[in-house]
Amino acid sequence: MTDSITEIKKGIKEKKAVIGTKKTLEGLKLGKLQKIFVTSNCPEKIKQDIEHYTQTTKCEVEFLNIPNDELGVVCKKQYGISVLGLK
């Protein structure tokens, strides 16, 4: 868990993070992402979409044990983030 948070912070610092469902799914479809983080309270429909698209790509998906508002704090945003991708 701590490793995931460290990896997310590093991705944000290096400007390799893609924040948000729409942009993450877009990057996933284009094969531009290496890893996706999904929060514990992410809507089921979004989880299904991500799992569907990762079957055709070599992108790794990690399901976090933290809610979206906590991931927002980790990313220094004032809103919740359900999905985050790393390039």
C-alpha atoms as a PDB file:
ATOM      1  CA  MET A   1       0.000   0.000   0.000  1.00  0.00           C
ATOM      2  CA  THR A   2       2.735   2.465   0.968  1.00  0.00           C
ATOM      3  CA  ASP A   3       4.647   1.479  -2.170  1.00  0.00           C
ATOM      4  CA  SER A   4       1.595   2.382  -4.261  1.00  0.00           C
ATOM      5  CA  ILE A   5       1.291   5.814  -2.648  1.00  0.00           C
ATOM      6  CA  THR A   6       5.012   6.425  -3.199  1.00  0.00           C
ATOM      7  CA  GLU A   7       4.664   5.351  -6.838  1.00  0.00           C
ATOM      8  CA  ILE A   8       1.680   7.697  -7.324  1.00  0.00           C
ATOM      9  CA  LYS A   9       3.513  10.653  -5.756  1.00  0.00           C
ATOM     10  CA  LYS A  10       6.559   9.970  -7.930  1.00  0.00           C
ATOM     11  CA  GLY A  11       4.347   9.834 -11.045  1.00  0.00           C
ATOM     12  CA  ILE A  12       2.751  13.172 -10.173  1.00  0.00           C
ATOM     13  CA  LYS A  13       6.124  14.784  -9.496  1.00  0.00           C
ATOM     14  CA  GLU A  14       7.498  13.544 -12.844  1.00  0.00           C
ATOM     15  CA  LYS A  15       4.282  14.633 -14.605  1.00  0.00           C
ATOM     16  CA  LYS A  16       3.552  11.071 -15.713  1.00  0.00           C
ATOM     17  CA  ALA A  17       0.193  10.812 -13.927  1.00  0.00           C
ATOM     18  CA  VAL A  18      -3.165  10.933 -15.691  1.00  0.00           C
ATOM     19  CA  ILE A  19      -5.930  11.925 -13.296  1.00  0.00           C
ATOM     20  CA  GLY A  20      -9.566  11.092 -13.837  1.00  0.00           C
ATOM     21  CA  THR A  21     -11.676   8.370 -15.379  1.00  0.00           C
ATOM     22  CA  LYS A  22     -12.123   9.930 -18.819  1.00  0.00           C
ATOM     23  CA  LYS A  23      -8.437  10.684 -19.434  1.00  0.00           C
ATOM     24  CA  THR A  24      -7.319   7.362 -17.942  1.00  0.00           C
ATOM     25  CA  LEU A  25      -9.674   5.335 -20.145  1.00  0.00           C
ATOM     26  CA  GLU A  26      -8.557   7.374 -23.157  1.00  0.00           C
ATOM     27  CA  GLY A  27      -4.873   6.648 -22.400  1.00  0.00           C
ATOM     28  CA  LEU A  28      -5.682   2.995 -21.761  1.00  0.00           C
ATOM     29  CA  LYS A  29      -7.443   2.600 -25.125  1.00  0.00           C
ATOM     30  CA  LEU A  30      -4.464   4.191 -26.889  1.00  0.00           C
ATOM     31  CA  GLY A  31      -1.999   1.949 -25.020  1.00  0.00           C
ATOM     32  CA  LYS A  32      -0.178   4.885 -23.431  1.00  0.00           C
ATOM     33  CA  LEU A  33      -0.464   3.775 -19.786  1.00  0.00           C
ATOM     34  CA  GLN A  34       1.673   1.297 -17.870  1.00  0.00           C
ATOM     35  CA  LYS A  35      -0.304   1.137 -14.641  1.00  0.00           C
ATOM     36  CA  ILE A  36      -3.727   2.158 -13.344  1.00  0.00           C
ATOM     37  CA  PHE A  37      -4.774   2.703  -9.738  1.00  0.00           C
ATOM     38  CA  VAL A  38      -8.448   2.276  -8.785  1.00  0.00           C
ATOM     39  CA  THR A  39      -9.848   3.369  -5.404  1.00  0.00           C
ATOM     40  CA  SER A  40     -11.985   1.211  -3.135  1.00  0.00           C
ATOM     41  CA  ASN A  41     -15.182   3.212  -3.745  1.00  0.00           C
ATOM     42  CA  CYS A  42     -14.824   3.596  -7.503  1.00  0.00           C
ATOM     43  CA  PRO A  43     -18.169   2.964  -9.275  1.00  0.00           C
ATOM     44  CA  GLU A  44     -18.580  -0.644 -10.450  1.00  0.00           C
ATOM     45  CA  LYS A  45     -19.263   0.400 -14.073  1.00  0.00           C
ATOM     46  CA  ILE A  46     -15.893   2.161 -14.266  1.00  0.00           C
ATOM     47  CA  LYS A  47     -14.101  -0.862 -12.775  1.00  0.00           C
ATOM     48  CA  GLN A  48     -15.722  -3.081 -15.412  1.00  0.00           C
ATOM     49  CA  ASP A  49     -14.678  -0.705 -18.217  1.00  0.00           C
ATOM     50  CA  ILE A  50     -11.082  -0.663 -16.977  1.00  0.00           C
ATOM     51  CA  GLU A  51     -10.950  -4.458 -16.636  1.00  0.00           C
ATOM     52  CA  HIS A  52     -12.390  -4.827 -20.136  1.00  0.00           C
ATOM     53  CA  TYR A  53      -9.803  -2.564 -21.769  1.00  0.00           C
ATOM     54  CA  THR A  54      -6.857  -3.976 -19.810  1.00  0.00           C
ATOM     55  CA  GLN A  55      -7.531  -7.409 -21.304  1.00  0.00           C
ATOM     56  CA  THR A  56      -6.371  -6.108 -24.696  1.00  0.00           C
ATOM     57  CA  THR A  57      -3.406  -4.092 -23.388  1.00  0.00           C
ATOM     58  CA  LYS A  58      -0.457  -4.905 -21.161  1.00  0.00           C
ATOM     59  CA  CYS A  59      -1.462  -2.370 -18.546  1.00  0.00           C
ATOM     60  CA  GLU A  60      -1.319  -3.371 -14.891  1.00  0.00           C
ATOM     61  CA  VAL A  61      -4.269  -2.507 -12.622  1.00  0.00           C
ATOM     62  CA  GLU A  62      -3.940  -2.042  -8.884  1.00  0.00           C
ATOM     63  CA  PHE A  63      -6.987  -1.799  -6.642  1.00  0.00           C
ATOM     64  CA  LEU A  64      -6.230   0.444  -3.672  1.00  0.00           C
ATOM     65  CA  ASN A  65      -7.698   0.064  -0.192  1.00  0.00           C
ATOM     66  CA  ILE A  66      -8.325   3.794   0.116  1.00  0.00           C
ATOM     67  CA  PRO A  67     -11.401   5.832  -0.895  1.00  0.00           C
ATOM     68  CA  ASN A  68     -11.330   8.422  -3.690  1.00  0.00           C
ATOM     69  CA  ASP A  69     -11.226  11.439  -1.352  1.00  0.00           C
ATOM     70  CA  GLU A  70      -8.048  10.094   0.271  1.00  0.00           C
ATOM     71  CA  LEU A  71      -6.399   9.618  -3.146  1.00  0.00           C
ATOM     72  CA  GLY A  72      -7.346  13.228  -3.890  1.00  0.00           C
ATOM     73  CA  VAL A  73      -5.405  14.301  -0.792  1.00  0.00           C
ATOM     74  CA  VAL A  74      -2.399  12.207  -1.845  1.00  0.00           C
ATOM     75  CA  CYS A  75      -2.479  13.967  -5.239  1.00  0.00           C
ATOM     76  CA  LYS A  76      -2.850  17.370  -3.516  1.00  0.00           C
ATOM     77  CA  LYS A  77      -6.250  17.978  -5.103  1.00  0.00           C
ATOM     78  CA  GLN A  78      -9.348  19.316  -3.358  1.00  0.00           C
ATOM     79  CA  TYR A  79     -11.604  16.693  -4.887  1.00  0.00           C
ATOM     80  CA  GLY A  80     -11.852  12.915  -4.933  1.00  0.00           C
ATOM     81  CA  ILE A  81     -10.018  10.883  -7.572  1.00  0.00           C
ATOM     82  CA  SER A  82     -11.404   7.430  -8.363  1.00  0.00           C
ATOM     83  CA  VAL A  83      -8.963   6.468 -11.126  1.00  0.00           C
ATOM     84  CA  LEU A  84      -5.360   7.448 -11.786  1.00  0.00           C
ATOM     85  CA  GLY A  85      -3.065   6.206 -14.534  1.00  0.00           C
ATOM     86  CA  LEU A  86       0.704   6.315 -14.915  1.00  0.00           C
ATOM     87  CA  LYS A  87       2.437   6.673 -18.287  1.00  0.00           C
END
